[in-house]
Amino acid sequence: MTDLGIHLLLFIAVAITFPLAPLILGYFLRPDLPTPEKDAVYECGEPTIGSSYIQFDLRFYVVALLFIIFDVEVAFFFPWALVFGGATQLADPTLSEGTRMVLSDRLLDVPAGTMTAQTALTPETAQTLALTGFFDILVFFGVLLVGFAYVWKRGDLDWVRAMASPAKKAAAVPPTTPVIEQIHQEPQPVQAG
């Protein structure tokens, strides 16, 4: 068996042993003293009211999905910041050739020491890369803001959402006349048509 195979088997054995050992040890060592209070179902320290088998409000899922979407989008800023920062440093024309080669190695992700003075990024190329990166992130951030504005306009960020605006509610409900006035009104003739 190769050295890689032995390492793989050792990794698998450790990956299985680490989670199972505390579970098996806890099964044999922990006391088993059930009481009605311990067996009671609760959420967040509050006793349940009614059945636990109810449908959760959709707002919980919407907020979770929005968080994941915007969280992942923000994670894309980190690689961009590394490239933009490196390109901005390389755009400085006062850098020495040695520093320029080291920074070019890091920015282009090549093994250290493989960059020569002829293949290192020039200040003009680095400036072009920095400007391209800047406009790329502006477009990216613009798309992110459009999505955020859409979600905000739709009302998905409002935890307590009204079903209709007050103006629409007032227009939809006809004005009512008090019951006393309805009693004293003369009956309207029914028109045949």
Protein backbone atom coordinates (compact mmCIF):
# COMPACT_ATOMS: atom_id res chain seq x y z
CA MET A 1 0.00 0.00 0.00
CA THR A 2 1.32 3.43 -0.81
CA ASP A 3 2.10 6.10 1.72
CA LEU A 4 -0.89 8.12 0.50
CA GLY A 5 -3.23 5.16 1.08
CA ILE A 6 -2.01 4.73 4.65
CA HIS A 7 -2.57 8.42 5.33
CA LEU A 8 -6.05 8.21 3.82
CA LEU A 9 -7.02 5.20 5.97
CA LEU A 10 -5.61 6.88 9.07
CA PHE A 11 -7.60 10.03 8.30
CA ILE A 12 -10.82 8.02 7.81
CA ALA A 13 -10.26 6.13 11.08
CA VAL A 14 -9.72 9.36 13.01
CA ALA A 15 -12.71 11.00 11.31
CA ILE A 16 -14.96 8.13 12.40
CA THR A 17 -13.48 7.71 15.89
CA PHE A 18 -13.60 11.36 16.99
CA PRO A 19 -17.38 11.84 16.68
CA LEU A 20 -18.33 8.32 17.80
CA ALA A 21 -16.13 8.09 20.92
CA PRO A 22 -17.93 10.82 22.93
CA LEU A 23 -21.34 9.48 21.87
CA ILE A 24 -20.55 5.93 22.94
CA LEU A 25 -18.87 7.09 26.15
CA GLY A 26 -21.84 9.34 26.97
CA TYR A 27 -24.29 6.51 26.35
CA PHE A 28 -22.65 4.41 29.07
CA LEU A 29 -21.85 7.16 31.58
CA ARG A 30 -24.82 9.54 31.61
CA PRO A 31 -27.70 8.88 34.02
CA ASP A 32 -31.06 7.83 32.65
CA LEU A 33 -33.61 9.54 34.92
CA PRO A 34 -36.56 10.65 32.79
CA THR A 35 -39.17 12.81 34.46
CA PRO A 36 -42.26 14.47 32.99
CA GLU A 37 -40.48 17.83 33.15
CA LYS A 38 -37.43 16.50 31.30
CA ASP A 39 -39.58 14.86 28.65
CA ALA A 40 -41.66 18.00 28.05
CA VAL A 41 -41.21 19.70 24.68
CA TYR A 42 -40.16 23.34 24.79
CA GLU A 43 -38.74 25.91 22.45
CA CYS A 44 -36.31 28.58 23.63
CA GLY A 45 -37.20 27.95 27.26
CA GLU A 46 -40.89 28.61 26.71
CA PRO A 47 -43.54 25.95 27.26
CA THR A 48 -45.42 25.04 24.12
CA ILE A 49 -48.95 26.25 23.57
CA GLY A 50 -51.01 23.99 21.37
CA SER A 51 -49.64 21.49 18.92
CA SER A 52 -45.96 21.47 17.98
CA TYR A 53 -46.86 20.32 14.48
CA ILE A 54 -47.66 23.68 12.94
CA GLN A 55 -46.39 25.31 9.79
CA PHE A 56 -43.68 27.86 10.44
CA ASP A 57 -44.13 31.35 9.14
CA LEU A 58 -42.57 31.84 5.72
CA ARG A 59 -40.76 34.95 6.95
CA PHE A 60 -38.23 32.79 8.83
CA TYR A 61 -37.21 31.08 5.60
CA VAL A 62 -37.13 34.34 3.60
CA VAL A 63 -34.87 36.04 6.15
CA ALA A 64 -32.56 33.01 6.27
CA LEU A 65 -32.30 32.86 2.48
CA LEU A 66 -31.66 36.59 2.22
CA PHE A 67 -28.92 36.32 4.82
CA ILE A 68 -27.25 33.47 2.96
CA ILE A 69 -27.47 35.23 -0.40
CA PHE A 70 -26.01 38.51 0.82
CA ASP A 71 -23.46 36.75 3.01
CA VAL A 72 -22.12 34.77 0.05
CA GLU A 73 -22.07 37.89 -2.10
CA VAL A 74 -20.00 39.74 0.51
CA ALA A 75 -17.55 36.82 0.62
CA PHE A 76 -16.62 37.65 -2.99
CA PHE A 77 -15.19 40.98 -1.81
CA PHE A 78 -12.20 39.33 -0.11
CA PRO A 79 -10.45 37.89 -3.20
CA TRP A 80 -11.15 41.12 -5.03
CA ALA A 81 -9.58 43.14 -2.21
CA LEU A 82 -6.39 41.04 -2.40
CA VAL A 83 -6.04 41.52 -6.16
CA PHE A 84 -6.94 45.22 -6.03
CA GLY A 85 -4.55 45.88 -3.15
CA GLY A 86 -1.71 44.03 -4.88
CA ALA A 87 -2.33 45.82 -8.18
CA THR A 88 -2.45 49.18 -6.41
CA GLN A 89 0.89 48.45 -4.72
CA LEU A 90 2.44 47.42 -8.04
CA ALA A 91 1.18 50.60 -9.70
CA ASP A 92 3.66 52.61 -7.61
CA PRO A 93 6.49 53.55 -10.02
CA THR A 94 8.98 54.03 -7.15
CA LEU A 95 9.09 50.30 -6.24
CA SER A 96 12.43 48.52 -6.59
CA GLU A 97 12.72 45.66 -9.09
CA GLY A 98 13.10 43.08 -6.30
CA THR A 99 9.93 44.22 -4.55
CA ARG A 100 8.12 44.40 -7.91
CA MET A 101 9.06 40.77 -8.69
CA VAL A 102 7.96 39.52 -5.25
CA LEU A 103 4.62 41.34 -5.47
CA SER A 104 4.11 40.10 -9.05
CA ASP A 105 4.74 36.54 -7.84
CA ARG A 106 2.03 36.92 -5.18
CA LEU A 107 -0.47 38.69 -7.42
CA LEU A 108 -0.15 36.23 -10.31
CA ASP A 109 0.00 33.25 -7.92
CA VAL A 110 3.18 31.75 -9.34
CA PRO A 111 5.89 30.01 -7.30
CA ALA A 112 8.19 32.43 -5.49
CA GLY A 113 11.32 33.38 -7.40
CA THR A 114 10.03 32.47 -10.89
CA MET A 115 9.36 36.09 -11.88
CA THR A 116 12.13 37.96 -13.67
CA ALA A 117 12.54 41.69 -14.22
CA GLN A 118 11.23 41.27 -17.78
CA THR A 119 8.12 39.28 -16.79
CA ALA A 120 7.19 41.33 -13.68
CA LEU A 121 4.15 43.53 -14.01
CA THR A 122 4.91 47.08 -15.04
CA PRO A 123 3.33 50.04 -13.22
CA GLU A 124 1.15 50.74 -16.27
CA THR A 125 -0.13 47.15 -16.41
CA ALA A 126 -0.77 47.15 -12.67
CA GLN A 127 -2.64 50.46 -12.96
CA THR A 128 -4.82 48.98 -15.74
CA LEU A 129 -5.47 45.88 -13.59
CA ALA A 130 -6.41 48.06 -10.59
CA LEU A 131 -8.81 50.19 -12.67
CA THR A 132 -10.38 47.11 -14.25
CA GLY A 133 -10.84 45.59 -10.81
CA PHE A 134 -12.34 48.81 -9.50
CA PHE A 135 -14.94 49.01 -12.27
CA ASP A 136 -15.66 45.28 -11.95
CA ILE A 137 -16.47 45.66 -8.26
CA LEU A 138 -18.63 48.71 -9.00
CA VAL A 139 -20.72 46.62 -11.39
CA PHE A 140 -20.83 43.74 -8.90
CA PHE A 141 -21.83 46.03 -6.04
CA GLY A 142 -24.40 47.73 -8.28
CA VAL A 143 -26.06 44.40 -9.02
CA LEU A 144 -26.00 43.62 -5.31
CA LEU A 145 -27.65 46.96 -4.52
CA VAL A 146 -30.32 46.42 -7.18
CA GLY A 147 -31.14 43.06 -5.57
CA PHE A 148 -31.20 44.67 -2.14
CA ALA A 149 -33.48 47.48 -3.37
CA TYR A 150 -35.82 44.91 -4.95
CA VAL A 151 -36.04 42.91 -1.72
CA TRP A 152 -36.57 46.10 0.27
CA LYS A 153 -39.27 47.38 -2.11
CA ARG A 154 -41.05 44.03 -1.98
CA GLY A 155 -41.17 44.33 1.81
CA ASP A 156 -39.22 41.17 2.56
CA LEU A 157 -37.04 43.05 5.04
CA ASP A 158 -40.06 44.18 7.07
CA TRP A 159 -40.67 41.70 9.84
CA VAL A 160 -44.24 42.86 10.47
CA ARG A 161 -45.79 43.47 7.09
CA ALA A 162 -49.18 45.06 6.50
CA MET A 163 -51.32 43.22 3.97
CA ALA A 164 -52.41 46.46 2.26
CA SER A 165 -51.52 50.10 2.62
CA PRO A 166 -53.87 52.31 4.70
CA ALA A 167 -54.97 54.21 1.55
CA LYS A 168 -55.97 50.97 -0.18
CA LYS A 169 -57.78 49.75 2.93
CA ALA A 170 -59.77 53.01 3.17
CA ALA A 171 -60.73 52.81 -0.51
CA ALA A 172 -61.76 49.16 -0.27
CA VAL A 173 -64.07 49.56 2.75
CA PRO A 174 -67.25 51.48 1.92
CA PRO A 175 -68.33 54.03 4.50
CA THR A 176 -70.93 52.59 6.82
CA THR A 177 -73.95 54.41 8.11
CA PRO A 178 -74.97 53.87 11.68
CA VAL A 179 -77.71 51.32 12.28
CA ILE A 180 -80.09 53.94 13.70
CA GLU A 181 -79.90 55.97 10.48
CA GLN A 182 -80.52 52.82 8.41
CA ILE A 183 -83.68 52.12 10.37
CA HIS A 184 -85.08 55.61 9.77
CA GLN A 185 -84.30 55.69 6.06
CA GLU A 186 -87.09 55.05 3.64
CA PRO A 187 -86.82 51.84 1.66
CA GLN A 188 -85.41 52.23 -1.82
CA PRO A 189 -87.58 50.98 -4.66
CA VAL A 190 -86.23 47.93 -6.47
CA GLN A 191 -85.87 48.52 -10.16
CA ALA A 192 -86.61 45.68 -12.51
CA GLY A 193 -84.22 45.36 -15.25
